[in-house]
Amino acid sequence: MRVTSPASMTGIGVCPGRAAGPVALMGPRPRLPADRPAVTDPDSEVLAAIAALTQTAEELEARAAASSMPASAEVLEATAMIARDPSLEEAVRSAIAKGEPAAWAVDRAIEAFRAMLLDLGGYMAERVSDLDDVRDRTVARLLGVPMPVTTLQGQDALLSIVQMPAGVPVGTLAIGKPGAINAGLLAVSILSNSRPDLRTRLRTYRQEQTEKVRREQLP
């Protein structure tokens, strides 16, 4: 581009091999420490557990209210209801009464609910991932560690992507390493429209993939 007069430019500078944007570092799924502390004040443990469950519910409800995607909001609201379930609170209280610290009590109570839902199967078994999300967020609060992954372990983000309205194109690929490979191939396929060298290499790669598939034997 040739600039014939001074100009003021705003925005993010872009050049080959560079990317710019916000980065969020998410914590891993919280694990209970090997050394379980002794419970000296059961009442305080109960209050801490209930407060953490309430904060988890409030956060999910706030996200639901802010969501522009009805399906995502519905999932968030349903997960918040799990955190507010009186039977879950009762199970946590019972575990604390047996000597479990707050974080351990939440973990044990949700694990019991998890096993019950898996036994029921069908739709109820599908709610296990929501239970896991409530467990992880609540335990993280009680242990004072970073929140794990994203809300609903990324399910809300996936729902937002696949429900983008017309006019907001999104390339939905895959999860993990396969997604990274596909993202690279998608970028190359776009660039190959104006890069003959990339076009040739992409065609060669696709041909090799085709031949590889043809040679494979199904079990």
C-alpha atoms as a PDB file:
ATOM      1  CA  MET A   1       0.000   0.000   0.000  1.00  0.00           C
ATOM      2  CA  ARG A   2       1.358   3.435  -0.939  1.00  0.00           C
ATOM      3  CA  VAL A   3       0.692   6.332   1.401  1.00  0.00           C
ATOM      4  CA  THR A   4       0.962   9.744  -0.270  1.00  0.00           C
ATOM      5  CA  SER A   5       0.085  11.801   2.799  1.00  0.00           C
ATOM      6  CA  PRO A   6       0.284  11.414   6.582  1.00  0.00           C
ATOM      7  CA  ALA A   7      -2.546   9.275   7.919  1.00  0.00           C
ATOM      8  CA  SER A   8      -3.793   8.220  11.342  1.00  0.00           C
ATOM      9  CA  MET A   9      -4.627   4.521  11.574  1.00  0.00           C
ATOM     10  CA  THR A  10      -6.338   2.686  14.388  1.00  0.00           C
ATOM     11  CA  GLY A  11      -6.966  -0.964  15.170  1.00  0.00           C
ATOM     12  CA  ILE A  12      -4.774  -4.040  15.509  1.00  0.00           C
ATOM     13  CA  GLY A  13      -1.736  -4.430  13.321  1.00  0.00           C
ATOM     14  CA  VAL A  14      -1.652  -7.697  11.369  1.00  0.00           C
ATOM     15  CA  CYS A  15       1.296  -9.415   9.711  1.00  0.00           C
ATOM     16  CA  PRO A  16       2.041 -12.999   8.590  1.00  0.00           C
ATOM     17  CA  GLY A  17       2.714 -15.410  11.437  1.00  0.00           C
ATOM     18  CA  ARG A  18       1.292 -13.150  14.136  1.00  0.00           C
ATOM     19  CA  ALA A  19      -2.012 -13.037  16.003  1.00  0.00           C
ATOM     20  CA  ALA A  20      -3.451 -10.493  18.377  1.00  0.00           C
ATOM     21  CA  GLY A  21      -6.351 -10.766  20.779  1.00  0.00           C
ATOM     22  CA  PRO A  22      -7.375 -11.346  24.385  1.00  0.00           C
ATOM     23  CA  VAL A  23      -6.096 -14.506  26.054  1.00  0.00           C
ATOM     24  CA  ALA A  24      -7.815 -16.266  28.951  1.00  0.00           C
ATOM     25  CA  LEU A  25      -5.818 -18.792  30.967  1.00  0.00           C
ATOM     26  CA  MET A  26      -8.243 -21.303  32.445  1.00  0.00           C
ATOM     27  CA  GLY A  27      -7.475 -23.531  35.375  1.00  0.00           C
ATOM     28  CA  PRO A  28      -7.569 -27.334  35.203  1.00  0.00           C
ATOM     29  CA  ARG A  29     -10.275 -29.343  36.917  1.00  0.00           C
ATOM     30  CA  PRO A  30      -9.714 -28.829  40.668  1.00  0.00           C
ATOM     31  CA  ARG A  31      -8.421 -31.846  42.546  1.00  0.00           C
ATOM     32  CA  LEU A  32      -8.798 -32.376  46.255  1.00  0.00           C
ATOM     33  CA  PRO A  33      -5.462 -32.212  48.106  1.00  0.00           C
ATOM     34  CA  ALA A  34      -4.002 -35.491  49.336  1.00  0.00           C
ATOM     35  CA  ASP A  35      -3.988 -34.226  52.911  1.00  0.00           C
ATOM     36  CA  ARG A  36      -7.549 -33.771  54.073  1.00  0.00           C
ATOM     37  CA  PRO A  37      -7.837 -31.213  56.888  1.00  0.00           C
ATOM     38  CA  ALA A  38      -9.629 -32.148  60.081  1.00  0.00           C
ATOM     39  CA  VAL A  39     -13.044 -30.607  60.684  1.00  0.00           C
ATOM     40  CA  THR A  40     -12.988 -28.572  63.892  1.00  0.00           C
ATOM     41  CA  ASP A  41     -16.059 -26.411  63.226  1.00  0.00           C
ATOM     42  CA  PRO A  42     -18.766 -28.275  61.281  1.00  0.00           C
ATOM     43  CA  ASP A  43     -21.084 -25.261  61.265  1.00  0.00           C
ATOM     44  CA  SER A  44     -18.479 -23.116  59.523  1.00  0.00           C
ATOM     45  CA  GLU A  45     -17.890 -25.874  56.951  1.00  0.00           C
ATOM     46  CA  VAL A  46     -21.631 -26.012  56.236  1.00  0.00           C
ATOM     47  CA  LEU A  47     -21.818 -22.238  55.807  1.00  0.00           C
ATOM     48  CA  ALA A  48     -18.791 -22.253  53.475  1.00  0.00           C
ATOM     49  CA  ALA A  49     -20.225 -25.065  51.335  1.00  0.00           C
ATOM     50  CA  ILE A  50     -23.661 -23.454  51.036  1.00  0.00           C
ATOM     51  CA  ALA A  51     -22.111 -20.073  50.222  1.00  0.00           C
ATOM     52  CA  ALA A  52     -19.965 -21.632  47.474  1.00  0.00           C
ATOM     53  CA  LEU A  53     -22.953 -23.457  45.964  1.00  0.00           C
ATOM     54  CA  THR A  54     -24.971 -20.235  46.045  1.00  0.00           C
ATOM     55  CA  GLN A  55     -22.179 -18.282  44.335  1.00  0.00           C
ATOM     56  CA  THR A  56     -21.949 -20.954  41.649  1.00  0.00           C
ATOM     57  CA  ALA A  57     -25.702 -20.739  41.057  1.00  0.00           C
ATOM     58  CA  GLU A  58     -25.640 -16.934  40.950  1.00  0.00           C
ATOM     59  CA  GLU A  59     -22.788 -16.910  38.435  1.00  0.00           C
ATOM     60  CA  LEU A  60     -24.604 -19.340  36.134  1.00  0.00           C
ATOM     61  CA  GLU A  61     -27.834 -17.350  36.442  1.00  0.00           C
ATOM     62  CA  ALA A  62     -25.991 -14.136  35.568  1.00  0.00           C
ATOM     63  CA  ARG A  63     -24.474 -15.772  32.505  1.00  0.00           C
ATOM     64  CA  ALA A  64     -27.889 -17.041  31.470  1.00  0.00           C
ATOM     65  CA  ALA A  65     -29.363 -13.556  31.791  1.00  0.00           C
ATOM     66  CA  ALA A  66     -26.554 -12.080  29.701  1.00  0.00           C
ATOM     67  CA  SER A  67     -26.703 -14.759  26.993  1.00  0.00           C
ATOM     68  CA  SER A  68     -28.242 -13.835  23.649  1.00  0.00           C
ATOM     69  CA  MET A  69     -28.706 -17.511  22.773  1.00  0.00           C
ATOM     70  CA  PRO A  70     -31.943 -18.983  24.223  1.00  0.00           C
ATOM     71  CA  ALA A  71     -30.624 -22.560  24.151  1.00  0.00           C
ATOM     72  CA  SER A  72     -27.437 -21.588  25.987  1.00  0.00           C
ATOM     73  CA  ALA A  73     -29.413 -19.612  28.559  1.00  0.00           C
ATOM     74  CA  GLU A  74     -31.683 -22.594  29.149  1.00  0.00           C
ATOM     75  CA  VAL A  75     -28.720 -24.903  29.832  1.00  0.00           C
ATOM     76  CA  LEU A  76     -27.141 -22.370  32.192  1.00  0.00           C
ATOM     77  CA  GLU A  77     -30.393 -21.912  34.108  1.00  0.00           C
ATOM     78  CA  ALA A  78     -30.866 -25.669  34.436  1.00  0.00           C
ATOM     79  CA  THR A  79     -27.326 -26.044  35.782  1.00  0.00           C
ATOM     80  CA  ALA A  80     -27.916 -23.231  38.276  1.00  0.00           C
ATOM     81  CA  MET A  81     -30.977 -25.117  39.541  1.00  0.00           C
ATOM     82  CA  ILE A  82     -28.734 -28.095  40.303  1.00  0.00           C
ATOM     83  CA  ALA A  83     -26.511 -25.908  42.482  1.00  0.00           C
ATOM     84  CA  ARG A  84     -29.607 -24.708  44.364  1.00  0.00           C
ATOM     85  CA  ASP A  85     -31.142 -28.182  44.760  1.00  0.00           C
ATOM     86  CA  PRO A  86     -32.170 -28.635  48.444  1.00  0.00           C
ATOM     87  CA  SER A  87     -31.392 -32.364  48.270  1.00  0.00           C
ATOM     88  CA  LEU A  88     -27.817 -31.562  47.213  1.00  0.00           C
ATOM     89  CA  GLU A  89     -27.458 -29.182  50.152  1.00  0.00           C
ATOM     90  CA  GLU A  90     -28.812 -31.865  52.484  1.00  0.00           C
ATOM     91  CA  ALA A  91     -26.309 -34.406  51.145  1.00  0.00           C
ATOM     92  CA  VAL A  92     -23.480 -31.911  51.715  1.00  0.00           C
ATOM     93  CA  ARG A  93     -24.649 -31.271  55.280  1.00  0.00           C
ATOM     94  CA  SER A  94     -24.753 -35.014  55.918  1.00  0.00           C
ATOM     95  CA  ALA A  95     -21.206 -35.498  54.622  1.00  0.00           C
ATOM     96  CA  ILE A  96     -19.909 -32.665  56.814  1.00  0.00           C
ATOM     97  CA  ALA A  97     -21.667 -34.170  59.834  1.00  0.00           C
ATOM     98  CA  LYS A  98     -19.653 -37.341  59.166  1.00  0.00           C
ATOM     99  CA  GLY A  99     -16.379 -35.397  59.307  1.00  0.00           C
ATOM    100  CA  GLU A 100     -15.874 -34.277  55.713  1.00  0.00           C
ATOM    101  CA  PRO A 101     -14.502 -30.732  55.101  1.00  0.00           C
ATOM    102  CA  ALA A 102     -16.651 -28.501  52.861  1.00  0.00           C
ATOM    103  CA  ALA A 103     -14.849 -29.173  49.560  1.00  0.00           C
ATOM    104  CA  TRP A 104     -14.719 -32.918  50.214  1.00  0.00           C
ATOM    105  CA  ALA A 105     -18.389 -32.934  51.235  1.00  0.00           C
ATOM    106  CA  VAL A 106     -19.431 -31.236  47.986  1.00  0.00           C
ATOM    107  CA  ASP A 107     -17.334 -33.681  45.996  1.00  0.00           C
ATOM    108  CA  ARG A 108     -18.825 -36.709  47.784  1.00  0.00           C
ATOM    109  CA  ALA A 109     -22.416 -35.445  47.547  1.00  0.00           C
ATOM    110  CA  ILE A 110     -22.184 -34.704  43.831  1.00  0.00           C
ATOM    111  CA  GLU A 111     -20.465 -38.033  43.160  1.00  0.00           C
ATOM    112  CA  ALA A 112     -23.449 -39.807  44.772  1.00  0.00           C
ATOM    113  CA  PHE A 113     -25.892 -37.831  42.603  1.00  0.00           C
ATOM    114  CA  ARG A 114     -23.699 -38.532  39.584  1.00  0.00           C
ATOM    115  CA  ALA A 115     -23.863 -42.305  40.136  1.00  0.00           C
ATOM    116  CA  MET A 116     -27.630 -42.123  40.573  1.00  0.00           C
ATOM    117  CA  LEU A 117     -28.141 -40.258  37.278  1.00  0.00           C
ATOM    118  CA  LEU A 118     -25.875 -42.652  35.398  1.00  0.00           C
ATOM    119  CA  ASP A 119     -27.923 -45.577  36.726  1.00  0.00           C
ATOM    120  CA  LEU A 120     -31.132 -43.948  35.501  1.00  0.00           C
ATOM    121  CA  GLY A 121     -29.687 -43.550  32.009  1.00  0.00           C
ATOM    122  CA  GLY A 122     -31.202 -41.617  29.111  1.00  0.00           C
ATOM    123  CA  TYR A 123     -31.839 -37.911  29.605  1.00  0.00           C
ATOM    124  CA  MET A 124     -30.920 -38.083  33.294  1.00  0.00           C
ATOM    125  CA  ALA A 125     -27.489 -39.526  32.472  1.00  0.00           C
ATOM    126  CA  GLU A 126     -26.937 -36.607  30.094  1.00  0.00           C
ATOM    127  CA  ARG A 127     -27.180 -34.232  33.071  1.00  0.00           C
ATOM    128  CA  VAL A 128     -23.978 -35.692  34.566  1.00  0.00           C
ATOM    129  CA  SER A 129     -21.833 -33.119  32.766  1.00  0.00           C
ATOM    130  CA  ASP A 130     -23.872 -30.354  34.430  1.00  0.00           C
ATOM    131  CA  LEU A 131     -23.258 -31.958  37.819  1.00  0.00           C
ATOM    132  CA  ASP A 132     -19.541 -32.114  37.066  1.00  0.00           C
ATOM    133  CA  ASP A 133     -19.530 -28.405  36.227  1.00  0.00           C
ATOM    134  CA  VAL A 134     -21.272 -27.509  39.489  1.00  0.00           C
ATOM    135  CA  ARG A 135     -18.826 -29.698  41.387  1.00  0.00           C
ATOM    136  CA  ASP A 136     -15.737 -28.196  39.734  1.00  0.00           C
ATOM    137  CA  ARG A 137     -16.823 -24.588  40.175  1.00  0.00           C
ATOM    138  CA  THR A 138     -17.909 -25.059  43.769  1.00  0.00           C
ATOM    139  CA  VAL A 139     -14.821 -27.013  44.796  1.00  0.00           C
ATOM    140  CA  ALA A 140     -12.594 -24.420  43.093  1.00  0.00           C
ATOM    141  CA  ARG A 141     -14.228 -21.689  45.186  1.00  0.00           C
ATOM    142  CA  LEU A 142     -13.768 -23.656  48.409  1.00  0.00           C
ATOM    143  CA  LEU A 143     -10.127 -24.452  47.657  1.00  0.00           C
ATOM    144  CA  GLY A 144      -9.356 -20.944  46.396  1.00  0.00           C
ATOM    145  CA  VAL A 145      -7.991 -22.127  43.025  1.00  0.00           C
ATOM    146  CA  PRO A 146      -8.732 -20.825  39.476  1.00  0.00           C
ATOM    147  CA  MET A 147     -12.037 -21.731  37.902  1.00  0.00           C
ATOM    148  CA  PRO A 148     -11.805 -24.745  35.577  1.00  0.00           C
ATOM    149  CA  VAL A 149     -12.130 -24.433  31.781  1.00  0.00           C
ATOM    150  CA  THR A 150     -15.304 -22.538  30.868  1.00  0.00           C
ATOM    151  CA  THR A 151     -18.870 -22.699  31.971  1.00  0.00           C
ATOM    152  CA  LEU A 152     -20.298 -26.186  31.400  1.00  0.00           C
ATOM    153  CA  GLN A 153     -16.817 -27.330  30.354  1.00  0.00           C
ATOM    154  CA  GLY A 154     -17.139 -25.438  27.095  1.00  0.00           C
ATOM    155  CA  GLN A 155     -20.609 -26.684  26.153  1.00  0.00           C
ATOM    156  CA  ASP A 156     -22.050 -23.163  26.388  1.00  0.00           C
ATOM    157  CA  ALA A 157     -19.324 -21.888  24.043  1.00  0.00           C
ATOM    158  CA  LEU A 158     -20.064 -24.687  21.592  1.00  0.00           C
ATOM    159  CA  LEU A 159     -23.774 -23.874  21.653  1.00  0.00           C
ATOM    160  CA  SER A 160     -23.005 -20.209  21.004  1.00  0.00           C
ATOM    161  CA  ILE A 161     -20.828 -21.089  18.012  1.00  0.00           C
ATOM    162  CA  VAL A 162     -23.257 -23.449  16.307  1.00  0.00           C
ATOM    163  CA  GLN A 163     -26.168 -21.052  16.822  1.00  0.00           C
ATOM    164  CA  MET A 164     -24.585 -17.966  15.281  1.00  0.00           C
ATOM    165  CA  PRO A 165     -27.195 -15.990  13.331  1.00  0.00           C
ATOM    166  CA  ALA A 166     -27.032 -15.343   9.608  1.00  0.00           C
ATOM    167  CA  GLY A 167     -24.376 -12.767   8.804  1.00  0.00           C
ATOM    168  CA  VAL A 168     -21.904 -14.043  11.440  1.00  0.00           C
ATOM    169  CA  PRO A 169     -19.918 -16.818   9.711  1.00  0.00           C
ATOM    170  CA  VAL A 170     -18.043 -19.174  12.046  1.00  0.00           C
ATOM    171  CA  GLY A 171     -15.814 -22.081  11.034  1.00  0.00           C
ATOM    172  CA  THR A 172     -16.623 -24.848  13.522  1.00  0.00           C
ATOM    173  CA  LEU A 173     -13.927 -27.504  13.315  1.00  0.00           C
ATOM    174  CA  ALA A 174     -13.049 -30.156  15.903  1.00  0.00           C
ATOM    175  CA  ILE A 175     -11.763 -30.478  19.462  1.00  0.00           C
ATOM    176  CA  GLY A 176      -8.120 -30.905  20.434  1.00  0.00           C
ATOM    177  CA  LYS A 177      -5.321 -31.825  18.026  1.00  0.00           C
ATOM    178  CA  PRO A 178      -7.680 -32.773  15.145  1.00  0.00           C
ATOM    179  CA  GLY A 179      -9.243 -29.316  15.400  1.00  0.00           C
ATOM    180  CA  ALA A 180      -5.829 -27.656  15.262  1.00  0.00           C
ATOM    181  CA  ILE A 181      -4.924 -29.631  12.131  1.00  0.00           C
ATOM    182  CA  ASN A 182      -8.244 -28.803  10.482  1.00  0.00           C
ATOM    183  CA  ALA A 183      -7.874 -25.127  11.401  1.00  0.00           C
ATOM    184  CA  GLY A 184      -4.510 -25.056   9.649  1.00  0.00           C
ATOM    185  CA  LEU A 185      -5.934 -26.758   6.568  1.00  0.00           C
ATOM    186  CA  LEU A 186      -8.872 -24.337   6.500  1.00  0.00           C
ATOM    187  CA  ALA A 187      -6.469 -21.379   6.636  1.00  0.00           C
ATOM    188  CA  VAL A 188      -4.335 -22.855   3.862  1.00  0.00           C
ATOM    189  CA  SER A 189      -7.396 -23.493   1.695  1.00  0.00           C
ATOM    190  CA  ILE A 190      -8.388 -19.826   2.054  1.00  0.00           C
ATOM    191  CA  LEU A 191      -4.887 -18.534   1.320  1.00  0.00           C
ATOM    192  CA  SER A 192      -4.548 -20.904  -1.651  1.00  0.00           C
ATOM    193  CA  ASN A 193      -7.079 -18.811  -3.563  1.00  0.00           C
ATOM    194  CA  SER A 194      -4.315 -16.277  -4.141  1.00  0.00           C
ATOM    195  CA  ARG A 195      -1.248 -18.490  -3.589  1.00  0.00           C
ATOM    196  CA  PRO A 196      -0.617 -21.004  -6.413  1.00  0.00           C
ATOM    197  CA  ASP A 197       2.182 -22.671  -4.432  1.00  0.00           C
ATOM    198  CA  LEU A 198      -0.141 -23.382  -1.510  1.00  0.00           C
ATOM    199  CA  ARG A 199      -2.868 -24.545  -3.891  1.00  0.00           C
ATOM    200  CA  THR A 200      -0.515 -27.143  -5.368  1.00  0.00           C
ATOM    201  CA  ARG A 201       0.660 -28.375  -1.982  1.00  0.00           C
ATOM    202  CA  LEU A 202      -2.913 -28.573  -0.669  1.00  0.00           C
ATOM    203  CA  ARG A 203      -4.036 -30.619  -3.677  1.00  0.00           C
ATOM    204  CA  THR A 204      -1.084 -32.962  -3.168  1.00  0.00           C
ATOM    205  CA  TYR A 205      -1.935 -33.364   0.500  1.00  0.00           C
ATOM    206  CA  ARG A 206      -5.579 -34.122  -0.238  1.00  0.00           C
ATOM    207  CA  GLN A 207      -4.621 -36.650  -2.868  1.00  0.00           C
ATOM    208  CA  GLU A 208      -2.293 -38.364  -0.415  1.00  0.00           C
ATOM    209  CA  GLN A 209      -5.062 -38.451   2.182  1.00  0.00           C
ATOM    210  CA  THR A 210      -7.441 -39.984  -0.346  1.00  0.00           C
ATOM    211  CA  GLU A 211      -4.943 -42.697  -1.243  1.00  0.00           C
ATOM    212  CA  LYS A 212      -4.260 -43.377   2.432  1.00  0.00           C
ATOM    213  CA  VAL A 213      -7.953 -43.898   3.130  1.00  0.00           C
ATOM    214  CA  ARG A 214      -8.324 -46.221   0.144  1.00  0.00           C
ATOM    215  CA  ARG A 215      -5.453 -48.380   1.398  1.00  0.00           C
ATOM    216  CA  GLU A 216      -6.884 -48.757   4.893  1.00  0.00           C
ATOM    217  CA  GLN A 217      -8.634 -51.999   5.810  1.00  0.00           C
ATOM    218  CA  LEU A 218     -11.728 -51.883   7.971  1.00  0.00           C
ATOM    219  CA  PRO A 219     -11.671 -54.277  10.962  1.00  0.00           C
END
